[in-house]
């Protein structure tokens, strides 16, 4: 059961609030002139470099933030999440984002059942479908190879794929695999945005992917129907 205590009532929070008033008087330029501070605010793990020095913060700031995580029992909650406990108190269910990223042989139990095999079953289906589209084995209604994709979604269903697409644009292998193809995102019900997304695309060679958790989001389903009508009016 989630605690009803407010984190803002803790001493750690109050201490950090007082520190903010102090740090606001400090210019980042002055902090960056301190080489020892800059070096001590860099952390490297598993090939990833995290540089906190470009923030208006000091080691004292970080220590106070760590103190706040302890007051909020963040580590305990992370462990409970990985253990599949029902930490989502509003829906009384597990929070299983970690299962989506788990290796195939991992064990993450929820209500006594290991959910990882189910996750990998779906991931394998996604990979199979994606490879069939890329290879040309999966074609459009008229038998032509699908070369363009319009992703329909809103919120996280739009931003998540967009972030991945943006990151891979500068990755050599991904760029080569995407040669001759394009991906567009439709996340707005404005007709102008719809028109802009389909301009220059051929309905015969365009794949529309609807991204939704529930398929009840009004904006997403409106755009999905609009795209279906665009294809149907052209192809029958």
Protein backbone atom coordinates (compact mmCIF):
# COMPACT_ATOMS: atom_id res chain seq x y z
CA UNK A 1 0.00 0.00 0.00
CA UNK A 2 1.40 3.40 -1.01
CA UNK A 3 2.22 5.79 1.82
CA UNK A 4 -0.07 8.81 2.22
CA UNK A 5 2.81 10.95 3.56
CA UNK A 6 3.83 13.81 1.31
CA UNK A 7 7.48 13.94 0.24
CA UNK A 8 7.27 17.74 0.55
CA UNK A 9 6.82 17.34 4.31
CA UNK A 10 10.21 15.65 4.79
CA UNK A 11 13.32 17.39 6.07
CA UNK A 12 15.20 16.32 2.94
CA UNK A 13 12.73 18.22 0.76
CA UNK A 14 12.87 21.32 2.93
CA UNK A 15 16.68 21.17 2.94
CA UNK A 16 16.72 20.97 -0.84
CA UNK A 17 14.27 23.86 -1.18
CA UNK A 18 16.53 26.04 0.94
CA UNK A 19 19.51 24.97 -1.14
CA UNK A 20 17.71 25.97 -4.35
CA UNK A 21 17.38 29.54 -3.11
CA UNK A 22 21.12 29.54 -2.47
CA UNK A 23 22.14 27.95 -5.78
CA UNK A 24 19.92 30.34 -7.76
CA UNK A 25 22.35 33.13 -6.84
CA UNK A 26 25.19 31.25 -8.57
CA UNK A 27 25.97 31.60 -12.29
CA UNK A 28 26.72 28.44 -14.27
CA UNK A 29 29.74 30.20 -15.80
CA UNK A 30 31.34 30.44 -12.37
CA UNK A 31 30.59 26.79 -11.61
CA UNK A 32 32.15 25.69 -14.91
CA UNK A 33 35.38 27.48 -14.00
CA UNK A 34 35.86 24.98 -11.16
CA UNK A 35 37.69 22.06 -12.81
CA UNK A 36 37.56 19.87 -9.71
CA UNK A 37 33.80 20.26 -9.53
CA UNK A 38 33.37 19.46 -13.23
CA UNK A 39 35.49 16.30 -13.02
CA UNK A 40 33.71 15.07 -9.90
CA UNK A 41 30.30 15.51 -11.54
CA UNK A 42 30.94 13.07 -14.39
CA UNK A 43 29.92 9.43 -14.12
CA UNK A 44 30.63 6.67 -16.65
CA UNK A 45 28.89 3.30 -16.63
CA UNK A 46 28.70 0.61 -19.30
CA UNK A 47 29.94 2.95 -22.03
CA UNK A 48 27.52 5.74 -21.12
CA UNK A 49 28.90 9.06 -19.88
CA UNK A 50 26.66 11.20 -17.69
CA UNK A 51 27.86 14.77 -17.22
CA UNK A 52 26.05 16.66 -14.47
CA UNK A 53 28.46 19.59 -14.55
CA UNK A 54 26.45 21.50 -17.15
CA UNK A 55 23.66 21.92 -14.61
CA UNK A 56 23.52 24.70 -12.07
CA UNK A 57 24.38 22.31 -9.26
CA UNK A 58 27.21 21.30 -6.98
CA UNK A 59 28.23 18.10 -5.24
CA UNK A 60 26.25 19.38 -2.28
CA UNK A 61 23.20 19.56 -4.58
CA UNK A 62 23.66 15.94 -5.61
CA UNK A 63 24.07 14.80 -2.01
CA UNK A 64 20.83 16.54 -1.08
CA UNK A 65 19.08 14.90 -4.03
CA UNK A 66 20.38 11.49 -2.95
CA UNK A 67 19.08 12.22 0.55
CA UNK A 68 15.67 12.96 -0.96
CA UNK A 69 15.64 9.62 -2.82
CA UNK A 70 16.29 7.87 0.48
CA UNK A 71 13.41 9.74 2.12
CA UNK A 72 11.18 8.72 -0.79
CA UNK A 73 12.42 5.10 -0.52
CA UNK A 74 13.19 5.06 -4.25
CA UNK A 75 15.54 2.05 -4.05
CA UNK A 76 12.92 0.03 -2.17
CA UNK A 77 10.31 0.89 -4.81
CA UNK A 78 12.66 -0.11 -7.64
CA UNK A 79 13.20 -3.51 -6.00
CA UNK A 80 9.45 -3.95 -5.56
CA UNK A 81 8.93 -3.09 -9.24
CA UNK A 82 11.47 -5.67 -10.38
CA UNK A 83 9.83 -8.21 -8.09
CA UNK A 84 6.50 -7.73 -9.86
CA UNK A 85 4.70 -6.35 -6.82
CA UNK A 86 1.53 -4.29 -7.29
CA UNK A 87 3.10 -0.85 -6.92
CA UNK A 88 0.48 0.71 -9.20
CA UNK A 89 -1.97 1.36 -6.39
CA UNK A 90 -4.63 3.06 -8.54
CA UNK A 91 -5.08 -0.05 -10.72
CA UNK A 92 -3.74 -2.58 -8.18
CA UNK A 93 -1.32 -4.12 -10.66
CA UNK A 94 2.36 -4.63 -11.36
CA UNK A 95 4.43 -2.09 -13.27
CA UNK A 96 6.26 -4.20 -15.83
CA UNK A 97 8.20 -1.79 -18.03
CA UNK A 98 11.31 -3.69 -16.97
CA UNK A 99 9.95 -6.92 -18.47
CA UNK A 100 9.90 -5.28 -21.90
CA UNK A 101 13.66 -4.69 -21.63
CA UNK A 102 14.57 -7.97 -19.92
CA UNK A 103 16.78 -10.59 -21.62
CA UNK A 104 15.01 -13.68 -22.97
CA UNK A 105 16.12 -15.91 -20.07
CA UNK A 106 15.14 -13.45 -17.32
CA UNK A 107 12.48 -14.28 -14.75
CA UNK A 108 10.09 -11.52 -13.68
CA UNK A 109 7.05 -12.84 -11.87
CA UNK A 110 3.71 -11.10 -11.64
CA UNK A 111 0.95 -12.83 -9.70
CA UNK A 112 3.04 -15.99 -9.67
CA UNK A 113 3.66 -16.09 -13.44
CA UNK A 114 6.87 -15.31 -15.32
CA UNK A 115 5.82 -12.65 -17.86
CA UNK A 116 9.10 -12.52 -19.81
CA UNK A 117 8.26 -15.37 -22.25
CA UNK A 118 5.02 -13.56 -23.22
CA UNK A 119 6.94 -10.35 -23.84
CA UNK A 120 9.46 -12.11 -26.07
CA UNK A 121 6.67 -13.86 -27.98
CA UNK A 122 5.32 -10.44 -28.97
CA UNK A 123 8.79 -9.01 -29.67
CA UNK A 124 9.53 -11.96 -31.97
CA UNK A 125 6.28 -11.31 -33.86
CA UNK A 126 7.24 -7.62 -34.24
CA UNK A 127 10.69 -8.57 -35.55
CA UNK A 128 9.22 -11.09 -38.00
CA UNK A 129 6.71 -8.57 -39.34
CA UNK A 130 9.31 -5.79 -39.60
CA UNK A 131 11.78 -8.01 -41.47
CA UNK A 132 9.08 -9.13 -43.90
CA UNK A 133 8.21 -5.51 -44.66
CA UNK A 134 11.88 -4.56 -45.09
CA UNK A 135 12.64 -7.54 -47.33
CA UNK A 136 9.58 -6.97 -49.51
CA UNK A 137 7.95 -10.27 -48.55
CA UNK A 138 5.00 -8.33 -47.08
CA UNK A 139 3.52 -6.19 -49.85
CA UNK A 140 0.66 -3.75 -50.22
CA UNK A 141 -2.83 -4.48 -51.54
CA UNK A 142 -1.71 -4.18 -55.16
CA UNK A 143 1.38 -6.33 -54.71
CA UNK A 144 3.88 -3.49 -54.62
CA UNK A 145 6.68 -3.29 -52.04
CA UNK A 146 5.92 -1.05 -49.06
CA UNK A 147 8.59 1.63 -48.84
CA UNK A 148 7.07 4.42 -46.74
CA UNK A 149 5.49 4.36 -43.26
CA UNK A 150 3.09 6.74 -41.54
CA UNK A 151 2.98 6.19 -37.78
CA UNK A 152 -0.32 7.32 -36.24
CA UNK A 153 -0.27 7.97 -32.50
CA UNK A 154 -0.36 10.63 -29.83
CA UNK A 155 1.47 11.31 -26.57
CA UNK A 156 3.96 8.57 -25.72
CA UNK A 157 2.77 6.52 -28.71
CA UNK A 158 4.14 9.35 -30.87
CA UNK A 159 7.10 10.61 -28.85
CA UNK A 160 8.63 7.19 -28.13
CA UNK A 161 8.95 6.12 -31.79
CA UNK A 162 9.99 9.67 -32.75
CA UNK A 163 12.87 9.61 -30.25
CA UNK A 164 14.09 6.26 -31.60
CA UNK A 165 13.80 7.48 -35.19
CA UNK A 166 15.73 10.66 -34.40
CA UNK A 167 18.48 8.74 -32.59
CA UNK A 168 18.93 6.25 -35.45
CA UNK A 169 19.15 8.93 -38.14
CA UNK A 170 22.85 9.39 -37.36
CA UNK A 171 23.60 5.65 -36.99
CA UNK A 172 25.40 4.40 -40.11
CA UNK A 173 23.81 0.95 -40.42
CA UNK A 174 20.31 2.25 -39.70
CA UNK A 175 20.72 5.05 -42.24
CA UNK A 176 21.82 2.56 -44.90
CA UNK A 177 18.88 0.23 -44.18
CA UNK A 178 16.49 3.19 -44.44
CA UNK A 179 17.81 4.35 -47.80
CA UNK A 180 14.91 4.96 -50.21
CA UNK A 181 12.34 4.85 -47.40
CA UNK A 182 10.79 7.47 -45.20
CA UNK A 183 8.93 7.52 -41.91
CA UNK A 184 6.39 10.19 -41.04
CA UNK A 185 4.47 10.80 -37.82
CA UNK A 186 0.83 11.83 -37.62
CA UNK A 187 0.01 13.03 -34.11
CA UNK A 188 -2.31 15.95 -34.81
CA UNK A 189 -5.95 15.94 -35.94
CA UNK A 190 -5.46 19.22 -37.79
CA UNK A 191 -6.35 18.49 -41.47
CA UNK A 192 -3.30 20.50 -42.54
CA UNK A 193 -1.06 18.11 -40.62
CA UNK A 194 -2.77 15.14 -42.24
CA UNK A 195 -2.34 16.66 -45.71
CA UNK A 196 1.32 17.43 -45.02
CA UNK A 197 1.99 13.84 -43.95
CA UNK A 198 0.48 12.20 -47.01
CA UNK A 199 1.84 14.68 -49.57
CA UNK A 200 4.11 12.87 -52.01
CA UNK A 201 3.21 9.40 -50.71
CA UNK A 202 1.74 6.63 -52.85
CA UNK A 203 -1.11 4.74 -51.13
CA UNK A 204 0.03 1.58 -52.92
CA UNK A 205 3.43 1.64 -51.26
CA UNK A 206 2.60 3.22 -47.90
CA UNK A 207 2.19 1.28 -44.68
CA UNK A 208 0.11 2.93 -41.94
CA UNK A 209 0.94 1.84 -38.39
CA UNK A 210 -1.52 2.77 -35.65
CA UNK A 211 0.25 3.00 -32.27
CA UNK A 212 -2.06 2.85 -29.27
CA UNK A 213 -2.33 1.07 -25.93
CA UNK A 214 -6.12 0.87 -25.90
CA UNK A 215 -7.20 1.86 -29.43
CA UNK A 216 -9.78 4.14 -27.84
CA UNK A 217 -7.87 7.46 -27.94
CA UNK A 218 -10.16 9.77 -29.91
CA UNK A 219 -7.45 11.68 -31.80
CA UNK A 220 -5.57 8.51 -32.75
CA UNK A 221 -8.66 6.69 -33.99
CA UNK A 222 -9.82 9.75 -35.97
CA UNK A 223 -6.47 9.88 -37.76
CA UNK A 224 -6.54 6.11 -38.26
CA UNK A 225 -9.94 6.34 -39.97
CA UNK A 226 -8.70 9.28 -42.06
CA UNK A 227 -5.68 7.29 -43.27
CA UNK A 228 -7.84 4.25 -44.01
CA UNK A 229 -10.18 6.40 -46.09
CA UNK A 230 -7.15 7.86 -47.93
CA UNK A 231 -5.99 4.37 -48.91
CA UNK A 232 -9.48 3.03 -49.65
CA UNK A 233 -10.42 5.98 -51.88
CA UNK A 234 -7.27 5.38 -53.94
CA UNK A 235 -7.23 1.59 -54.05
CA UNK A 236 -10.85 0.58 -53.49
